[in-house]
C-alpha atoms as a PDB file:
ATOM      1  CA  UNK A   1       0.000   0.000   0.000  1.00  0.00           C
ATOM      2  CA  UNK A   2       1.287   3.463  -0.878  1.00  0.00           C
ATOM      3  CA  UNK A   3       0.759   6.703   1.026  1.00  0.00           C
ATOM      4  CA  UNK A   4       0.752  10.145  -0.572  1.00  0.00           C
ATOM      5  CA  UNK A   5      -0.009  13.777   0.176  1.00  0.00           C
ATOM      6  CA  UNK A   6      -1.286  16.094  -2.515  1.00  0.00           C
ATOM      7  CA  UNK A   7      -2.208  19.643  -3.427  1.00  0.00           C
ATOM      8  CA  UNK A   8      -4.341  21.080  -6.245  1.00  0.00           C
ATOM      9  CA  UNK A   9      -3.659  24.415  -7.960  1.00  0.00           C
ATOM     10  CA  UNK A  10      -6.028  26.320 -10.241  1.00  0.00           C
ATOM     11  CA  UNK A  11      -3.795  29.326 -10.889  1.00  0.00           C
ATOM     12  CA  UNK A  12      -0.499  28.374 -12.538  1.00  0.00           C
ATOM     13  CA  UNK A  13       1.739  29.100 -15.528  1.00  0.00           C
ATOM     14  CA  UNK A  14       1.388  25.902 -17.564  1.00  0.00           C
ATOM     15  CA  UNK A  15       4.022  26.782 -20.173  1.00  0.00           C
ATOM     16  CA  UNK A  16       6.629  27.787 -17.589  1.00  0.00           C
ATOM     17  CA  UNK A  17       6.039  24.710 -15.432  1.00  0.00           C
ATOM     18  CA  UNK A  18       6.302  22.338 -18.393  1.00  0.00           C
ATOM     19  CA  UNK A  19       9.629  23.923 -19.327  1.00  0.00           C
ATOM     20  CA  UNK A  20      10.847  23.358 -15.764  1.00  0.00           C
ATOM     21  CA  UNK A  21       9.661  19.754 -15.945  1.00  0.00           C
ATOM     22  CA  UNK A  22      11.800  19.170 -19.031  1.00  0.00           C
ATOM     23  CA  UNK A  23      14.829  20.455 -17.137  1.00  0.00           C
ATOM     24  CA  UNK A  24      14.053  18.054 -14.287  1.00  0.00           C
ATOM     25  CA  UNK A  25      14.268  15.086 -16.722  1.00  0.00           C
ATOM     26  CA  UNK A  26      10.797  13.804 -15.876  1.00  0.00           C
ATOM     27  CA  UNK A  27       9.009  10.889 -17.542  1.00  0.00           C
ATOM     28  CA  UNK A  28       5.808  11.871 -19.360  1.00  0.00           C
ATOM     29  CA  UNK A  29       2.569  10.038 -20.024  1.00  0.00           C
ATOM     30  CA  UNK A  30      -1.034  10.949 -20.852  1.00  0.00           C
ATOM     31  CA  UNK A  31      -4.168   8.894 -20.233  1.00  0.00           C
ATOM     32  CA  UNK A  32      -7.942   9.068 -20.017  1.00  0.00           C
ATOM     33  CA  UNK A  33      -8.845   8.335 -16.382  1.00  0.00           C
ATOM     34  CA  UNK A  34     -12.108   6.489 -15.700  1.00  0.00           C
ATOM     35  CA  UNK A  35     -13.236   6.891 -12.100  1.00  0.00           C
ATOM     36  CA  UNK A  36     -15.887   5.556  -9.739  1.00  0.00           C
ATOM     37  CA  UNK A  37     -16.100   7.298  -6.357  1.00  0.00           C
ATOM     38  CA  UNK A  38     -18.283   7.763  -3.314  1.00  0.00           C
ATOM     39  CA  UNK A  39     -18.028   9.194   0.213  1.00  0.00           C
ATOM     40  CA  UNK A  40     -17.944   7.013   3.332  1.00  0.00           C
ATOM     41  CA  UNK A  41     -17.650   8.419   6.873  1.00  0.00           C
ATOM     42  CA  UNK A  42     -16.140  11.657   5.584  1.00  0.00           C
ATOM     43  CA  UNK A  43     -13.540   9.909   3.421  1.00  0.00           C
ATOM     44  CA  UNK A  44     -13.563   9.539  -0.334  1.00  0.00           C
ATOM     45  CA  UNK A  45     -13.493   5.972  -1.692  1.00  0.00           C
ATOM     46  CA  UNK A  46     -12.346   5.656  -5.297  1.00  0.00           C
ATOM     47  CA  UNK A  47     -11.744   3.074  -8.008  1.00  0.00           C
ATOM     48  CA  UNK A  48      -9.854   4.287 -11.049  1.00  0.00           C
ATOM     49  CA  UNK A  49      -8.596   2.952 -14.363  1.00  0.00           C
ATOM     50  CA  UNK A  50      -5.597   5.147 -15.231  1.00  0.00           C
ATOM     51  CA  UNK A  51      -4.705   3.400 -18.470  1.00  0.00           C
ATOM     52  CA  UNK A  52      -1.355   2.100 -17.231  1.00  0.00           C
ATOM     53  CA  UNK A  53      -2.612   0.975 -13.798  1.00  0.00           C
ATOM     54  CA  UNK A  54      -5.847   0.319 -11.898  1.00  0.00           C
ATOM     55  CA  UNK A  55      -6.152   1.561  -8.322  1.00  0.00           C
ATOM     56  CA  UNK A  56      -8.331   1.433  -5.220  1.00  0.00           C
ATOM     57  CA  UNK A  57      -7.908   4.566  -3.097  1.00  0.00           C
ATOM     58  CA  UNK A  58      -9.139   6.079   0.135  1.00  0.00           C
ATOM     59  CA  UNK A  59      -8.564   9.822   0.585  1.00  0.00           C
ATOM     60  CA  UNK A  60      -8.675  11.148   4.118  1.00  0.00           C
ATOM     61  CA  UNK A  61      -8.507  14.710   5.437  1.00  0.00           C
ATOM     62  CA  UNK A  62      -5.674  15.595   7.811  1.00  0.00           C
ATOM     63  CA  UNK A  63      -7.192  18.300  10.031  1.00  0.00           C
ATOM     64  CA  UNK A  64      -3.722  19.549  10.993  1.00  0.00           C
ATOM     65  CA  UNK A  65      -2.690  20.189   7.369  1.00  0.00           C
ATOM     66  CA  UNK A  66      -3.142  23.327   5.267  1.00  0.00           C
ATOM     67  CA  UNK A  67      -3.271  21.393   2.002  1.00  0.00           C
ATOM     68  CA  UNK A  68      -6.194  19.815   0.130  1.00  0.00           C
ATOM     69  CA  UNK A  69      -9.693  18.925   1.185  1.00  0.00           C
ATOM     70  CA  UNK A  70      -8.540  15.310   0.917  1.00  0.00           C
ATOM     71  CA  UNK A  71      -4.804  15.269   1.294  1.00  0.00           C
ATOM     72  CA  UNK A  72      -3.831  11.875   2.703  1.00  0.00           C
ATOM     73  CA  UNK A  73      -4.100   9.122   0.154  1.00  0.00           C
ATOM     74  CA  UNK A  74      -3.933   5.366   0.811  1.00  0.00           C
ATOM     75  CA  UNK A  75      -3.769   3.338  -2.377  1.00  0.00           C
ATOM     76  CA  UNK A  76      -3.369  -0.218  -3.671  1.00  0.00           C
ATOM     77  CA  UNK A  77      -3.304  -1.626  -7.186  1.00  0.00           C
ATOM     78  CA  UNK A  78      -6.162  -3.854  -8.342  1.00  0.00           C
ATOM     79  CA  UNK A  79      -6.514  -6.017 -11.435  1.00  0.00           C
ATOM     80  CA  UNK A  80     -10.260  -5.717 -12.074  1.00  0.00           C
ATOM     81  CA  UNK A  81     -12.199  -2.454 -11.618  1.00  0.00           C
ATOM     82  CA  UNK A  82     -15.659  -3.886 -12.218  1.00  0.00           C
ATOM     83  CA  UNK A  83     -15.001  -6.896  -9.953  1.00  0.00           C
ATOM     84  CA  UNK A  84     -13.681  -4.698  -7.144  1.00  0.00           C
ATOM     85  CA  UNK A  85     -16.664  -2.360  -7.530  1.00  0.00           C
ATOM     86  CA  UNK A  86     -19.055  -5.323  -7.196  1.00  0.00           C
ATOM     87  CA  UNK A  87     -17.230  -6.489  -4.044  1.00  0.00           C
ATOM     88  CA  UNK A  88     -17.419  -3.034  -2.445  1.00  0.00           C
ATOM     89  CA  UNK A  89     -21.131  -2.829  -3.197  1.00  0.00           C
ATOM     90  CA  UNK A  90     -21.648  -6.246  -1.554  1.00  0.00           C
ATOM     91  CA  UNK A  91     -19.968  -4.782   1.551  1.00  0.00           C
ATOM     92  CA  UNK A  92     -22.500  -1.948   1.599  1.00  0.00           C
ATOM     93  CA  UNK A  93     -20.613   0.779  -0.282  1.00  0.00           C
ATOM     94  CA  UNK A  94     -23.071   2.574  -2.552  1.00  0.00           C
ATOM     95  CA  UNK A  95     -23.808   5.663  -4.657  1.00  0.00           C
ATOM     96  CA  UNK A  96     -20.646   5.412  -6.763  1.00  0.00           C
ATOM     97  CA  UNK A  97     -20.473   8.185  -9.369  1.00  0.00           C
ATOM     98  CA  UNK A  98     -18.673   7.690 -12.671  1.00  0.00           C
ATOM     99  CA  UNK A  99     -16.535  10.448 -14.207  1.00  0.00           C
ATOM    100  CA  UNK A 100     -13.721  10.951 -16.716  1.00  0.00           C
ATOM    101  CA  UNK A 101     -10.764  13.245 -17.054  1.00  0.00           C
ATOM    102  CA  UNK A 102      -7.574  13.438 -19.057  1.00  0.00           C
ATOM    103  CA  UNK A 103      -4.358  13.525 -17.066  1.00  0.00           C
ATOM    104  CA  UNK A 104      -0.906  14.499 -18.285  1.00  0.00           C
ATOM    105  CA  UNK A 105       1.541  13.068 -15.751  1.00  0.00           C
ATOM    106  CA  UNK A 106       5.201  13.936 -15.225  1.00  0.00           C
ATOM    107  CA  UNK A 107       7.039  11.517 -12.924  1.00  0.00           C
ATOM    108  CA  UNK A 108       9.778  13.119 -10.823  1.00  0.00           C
ATOM    109  CA  UNK A 109      11.594  11.129  -8.112  1.00  0.00           C
ATOM    110  CA  UNK A 110       8.776  10.088  -5.749  1.00  0.00           C
ATOM    111  CA  UNK A 111       6.261  12.650  -7.013  1.00  0.00           C
ATOM    112  CA  UNK A 112       3.731  12.948  -9.808  1.00  0.00           C
ATOM    113  CA  UNK A 113       2.994  16.354 -11.333  1.00  0.00           C
ATOM    114  CA  UNK A 114      -0.359  16.137 -13.090  1.00  0.00           C
ATOM    115  CA  UNK A 115      -2.242  18.455 -15.437  1.00  0.00           C
ATOM    116  CA  UNK A 116      -5.913  17.464 -15.201  1.00  0.00           C
ATOM    117  CA  UNK A 117      -8.601  18.213 -17.790  1.00  0.00           C
ATOM    118  CA  UNK A 118     -12.115  17.489 -16.489  1.00  0.00           C
ATOM    119  CA  UNK A 119     -14.864  17.709 -19.153  1.00  0.00           C
ATOM    120  CA  UNK A 120     -16.579  21.084 -18.923  1.00  0.00           C
ATOM    121  CA  UNK A 121     -14.790  22.045 -15.695  1.00  0.00           C
ATOM    122  CA  UNK A 122     -11.739  24.141 -14.836  1.00  0.00           C
ATOM    123  CA  UNK A 123      -8.394  22.573 -15.653  1.00  0.00           C
ATOM    124  CA  UNK A 124      -6.017  22.255 -12.714  1.00  0.00           C
ATOM    125  CA  UNK A 125      -2.565  21.154 -11.619  1.00  0.00           C
ATOM    126  CA  UNK A 126      -2.129  18.461  -8.988  1.00  0.00           C
ATOM    127  CA  UNK A 127       1.099  17.460  -7.263  1.00  0.00           C
ATOM    128  CA  UNK A 128       1.242  14.135  -5.416  1.00  0.00           C
ATOM    129  CA  UNK A 129       4.301  13.345  -3.307  1.00  0.00           C
ATOM    130  CA  UNK A 130       5.476  10.692  -0.900  1.00  0.00           C
ATOM    131  CA  UNK A 131       6.955  13.315   1.409  1.00  0.00           C
ATOM    132  CA  UNK A 132       6.079  16.806   2.609  1.00  0.00           C
ATOM    133  CA  UNK A 133       9.618  17.920   1.834  1.00  0.00           C
ATOM    134  CA  UNK A 134       9.436  16.972  -1.845  1.00  0.00           C
ATOM    135  CA  UNK A 135       5.951  18.467  -2.188  1.00  0.00           C
ATOM    136  CA  UNK A 136       7.126  21.775  -0.721  1.00  0.00           C
ATOM    137  CA  UNK A 137      10.178  21.747  -3.002  1.00  0.00           C
ATOM    138  CA  UNK A 138       8.031  21.421  -6.122  1.00  0.00           C
ATOM    139  CA  UNK A 139       5.560  24.071  -4.951  1.00  0.00           C
ATOM    140  CA  UNK A 140       8.452  26.516  -4.559  1.00  0.00           C
ATOM    141  CA  UNK A 141      10.118  25.369  -7.782  1.00  0.00           C
ATOM    142  CA  UNK A 142       7.013  26.169  -9.818  1.00  0.00           C
ATOM    143  CA  UNK A 143       6.237  29.412  -7.912  1.00  0.00           C
ATOM    144  CA  UNK A 144       2.843  28.112  -6.820  1.00  0.00           C
ATOM    145  CA  UNK A 145       0.696  29.676  -4.120  1.00  0.00           C
ATOM    146  CA  UNK A 146       0.059  27.341  -1.204  1.00  0.00           C
ATOM    147  CA  UNK A 147      -3.510  28.504  -0.694  1.00  0.00           C
ATOM    148  CA  UNK A 148      -6.972  27.527  -1.876  1.00  0.00           C
ATOM    149  CA  UNK A 149      -6.960  29.288  -5.253  1.00  0.00           C
ATOM    150  CA  UNK A 150      -9.893  27.434  -6.792  1.00  0.00           C
ATOM    151  CA  UNK A 151     -12.670  29.527  -8.267  1.00  0.00           C
ATOM    152  CA  UNK A 152     -16.243  28.386  -7.867  1.00  0.00           C
ATOM    153  CA  UNK A 153     -16.682  26.758 -11.266  1.00  0.00           C
ATOM    154  CA  UNK A 154     -20.466  26.498 -11.398  1.00  0.00           C
ATOM    155  CA  UNK A 155     -20.967  29.970  -9.948  1.00  0.00           C
ATOM    156  CA  UNK A 156     -18.395  31.564 -12.264  1.00  0.00           C
ATOM    157  CA  UNK A 157     -20.059  30.196 -15.391  1.00  0.00           C
ATOM    158  CA  UNK A 158     -23.611  30.563 -14.071  1.00  0.00           C
ATOM    159  CA  UNK A 159     -24.191  26.798 -14.136  1.00  0.00           C
ATOM    160  CA  UNK A 160     -27.065  25.351 -12.116  1.00  0.00           C
ATOM    161  CA  UNK A 161     -25.447  22.705  -9.862  1.00  0.00           C
ATOM    162  CA  UNK A 162     -28.534  20.495  -9.740  1.00  0.00           C
ATOM    163  CA  UNK A 163     -28.679  20.382 -13.542  1.00  0.00           C
ATOM    164  CA  UNK A 164     -24.927  19.720 -13.712  1.00  0.00           C
ATOM    165  CA  UNK A 165     -25.248  16.823 -11.243  1.00  0.00           C
ATOM    166  CA  UNK A 166     -27.709  15.176 -13.619  1.00  0.00           C
ATOM    167  CA  UNK A 167     -25.061  15.014 -16.359  1.00  0.00           C
ATOM    168  CA  UNK A 168     -22.366  12.335 -16.234  1.00  0.00           C
ATOM    169  CA  UNK A 169     -18.924  13.984 -16.416  1.00  0.00           C
ATOM    170  CA  UNK A 170     -17.725  12.395 -19.670  1.00  0.00           C
ATOM    171  CA  UNK A 171     -16.074  13.810 -22.768  1.00  0.00           C
ATOM    172  CA  UNK A 172     -19.027  12.919 -24.951  1.00  0.00           C
ATOM    173  CA  UNK A 173     -21.156  15.169 -22.702  1.00  0.00           C
ATOM    174  CA  UNK A 174     -19.100  18.384 -23.025  1.00  0.00           C
ATOM    175  CA  UNK A 175     -21.647  20.028 -25.338  1.00  0.00           C
ATOM    176  CA  UNK A 176     -24.471  19.135 -22.914  1.00  0.00           C
ATOM    177  CA  UNK A 177     -22.570  20.898 -20.132  1.00  0.00           C
ATOM    178  CA  UNK A 178     -21.988  23.902 -22.420  1.00  0.00           C
ATOM    179  CA  UNK A 179     -25.756  24.391 -22.732  1.00  0.00           C
ATOM    180  CA  UNK A 180     -25.894  25.071 -18.964  1.00  0.00           C
ATOM    181  CA  UNK A 181     -23.480  28.040 -19.168  1.00  0.00           C
ATOM    182  CA  UNK A 182     -25.145  31.381 -18.446  1.00  0.00           C
ATOM    183  CA  UNK A 183     -22.138  33.740 -18.297  1.00  0.00           C
ATOM    184  CA  UNK A 184     -18.455  34.063 -19.271  1.00  0.00           C
ATOM    185  CA  UNK A 185     -19.237  32.097 -22.424  1.00  0.00           C
ATOM    186  CA  UNK A 186     -16.002  33.012 -24.224  1.00  0.00           C
ATOM    187  CA  UNK A 187     -13.873  31.672 -21.375  1.00  0.00           C
ATOM    188  CA  UNK A 188     -15.888  28.467 -21.289  1.00  0.00           C
ATOM    189  CA  UNK A 189     -15.533  28.028 -25.060  1.00  0.00           C
ATOM    190  CA  UNK A 190     -11.749  28.441 -24.739  1.00  0.00           C
ATOM    191  CA  UNK A 191     -11.742  25.930 -21.877  1.00  0.00           C
ATOM    192  CA  UNK A 192     -13.580  23.176 -23.725  1.00  0.00           C
ATOM    193  CA  UNK A 193     -11.686  23.848 -26.965  1.00  0.00           C
ATOM    194  CA  UNK A 194      -8.460  22.887 -25.219  1.00  0.00           C
ATOM    195  CA  UNK A 195     -10.146  19.885 -23.612  1.00  0.00           C
ATOM    196  CA  UNK A 196     -11.303  18.598 -26.999  1.00  0.00           C
ATOM    197  CA  UNK A 197      -7.745  18.997 -28.335  1.00  0.00           C
ATOM    198  CA  UNK A 198      -6.443  17.011 -25.351  1.00  0.00           C
ATOM    199  CA  UNK A 199      -9.049  14.309 -26.006  1.00  0.00           C
ATOM    200  CA  UNK A 200      -7.728  13.851 -29.547  1.00  0.00           C
ATOM    201  CA  UNK A 201      -4.161  13.823 -28.181  1.00  0.00           C
ATOM    202  CA  UNK A 202      -4.896  11.100 -25.622  1.00  0.00           C
ATOM    203  CA  UNK A 203      -6.573   8.930 -28.262  1.00  0.00           C
ATOM    204  CA  UNK A 204      -3.501   9.190 -30.514  1.00  0.00           C
ATOM    205  CA  UNK A 205      -1.177   8.451 -27.581  1.00  0.00           C
ATOM    206  CA  UNK A 206      -3.245   5.398 -26.606  1.00  0.00           C
ATOM    207  CA  UNK A 207      -3.221   4.012 -30.161  1.00  0.00           C
ATOM    208  CA  UNK A 208       0.537   4.530 -30.385  1.00  0.00           C
ATOM    209  CA  UNK A 209       1.085   2.807 -27.021  1.00  0.00           C
ATOM    210  CA  UNK A 210      -1.065  -0.185 -28.019  1.00  0.00           C
ATOM    211  CA  UNK A 211       0.790  -0.469 -31.340  1.00  0.00           C
ATOM    212  CA  UNK A 212       4.192  -0.360 -29.593  1.00  0.00           C
ATOM    213  CA  UNK A 213       3.083  -2.926 -26.975  1.00  0.00           C
ATOM    214  CA  UNK A 214       1.809  -5.325 -29.641  1.00  0.00           C
ATOM    215  CA  UNK A 215       5.051  -4.940 -31.589  1.00  0.00           C
ATOM    216  CA  UNK A 216       7.159  -5.652 -28.503  1.00  0.00           C
ATOM    217  CA  UNK A 217       5.054  -8.690 -27.591  1.00  0.00           C
ATOM    218  CA  UNK A 218       5.451 -10.031 -31.113  1.00  0.00           C
ATOM    219  CA  UNK A 219       9.241  -9.548 -30.916  1.00  0.00           C
ATOM    220  CA  UNK A 220       9.425 -11.384 -27.570  1.00  0.00           C
ATOM    221  CA  UNK A 221       7.315 -14.246 -28.930  1.00  0.00           C
ATOM    222  CA  UNK A 222       9.563 -14.562 -32.006  1.00  0.00           C
ATOM    223  CA  UNK A 223      12.717 -14.671 -29.819  1.00  0.00           C
ATOM    224  CA  UNK A 224      11.242 -17.471 -27.687  1.00  0.00           C
ATOM    225  CA  UNK A 225      10.561 -19.531 -30.783  1.00  0.00           C
END
């Protein structure tokens, strides 16, 4: 089981940070994340297919920390999302909500620097680290503000929360979410334009990865023969 602490940022210089990440010799990947989550006794319970791994996670709030709403993360790998979901429901866990997002991940030492693109919602930066020291180092390295800088998404775009909750957060539903926008339309259009570009990018990356994997498997099989 792994343990992590994390922090989300909604105000950041994406171009500058990605340049810094190149200098840090990070490893890059991009995937479409498929998530099922619910709340139990104040903690968030989550199952997620990240493309290159499948995980079962419990996020718990540390009341003595000034970081995220959920900032302590306990996580194990699983082999079957649907099977694990069925088992949790048999144990009484219920009301799992499904959602999608695209995540660009840069792996640095024992940290993951992630650019998240949630369909029809504000893009954000998340840093997950194994230690407080490394998390603080990256926050300072990228000149990030260690405060709650999130803007109220629904309020900012004039979106009715009840109507939004009736729409599954998936990329095929972006245009449905757009119909709920009542103000700051130009900003929202710019937001979803980038998200649609990222969706095309992740599909190309996935196809390329599958092609490379199949090629490598074929090479290994030929060598064995």
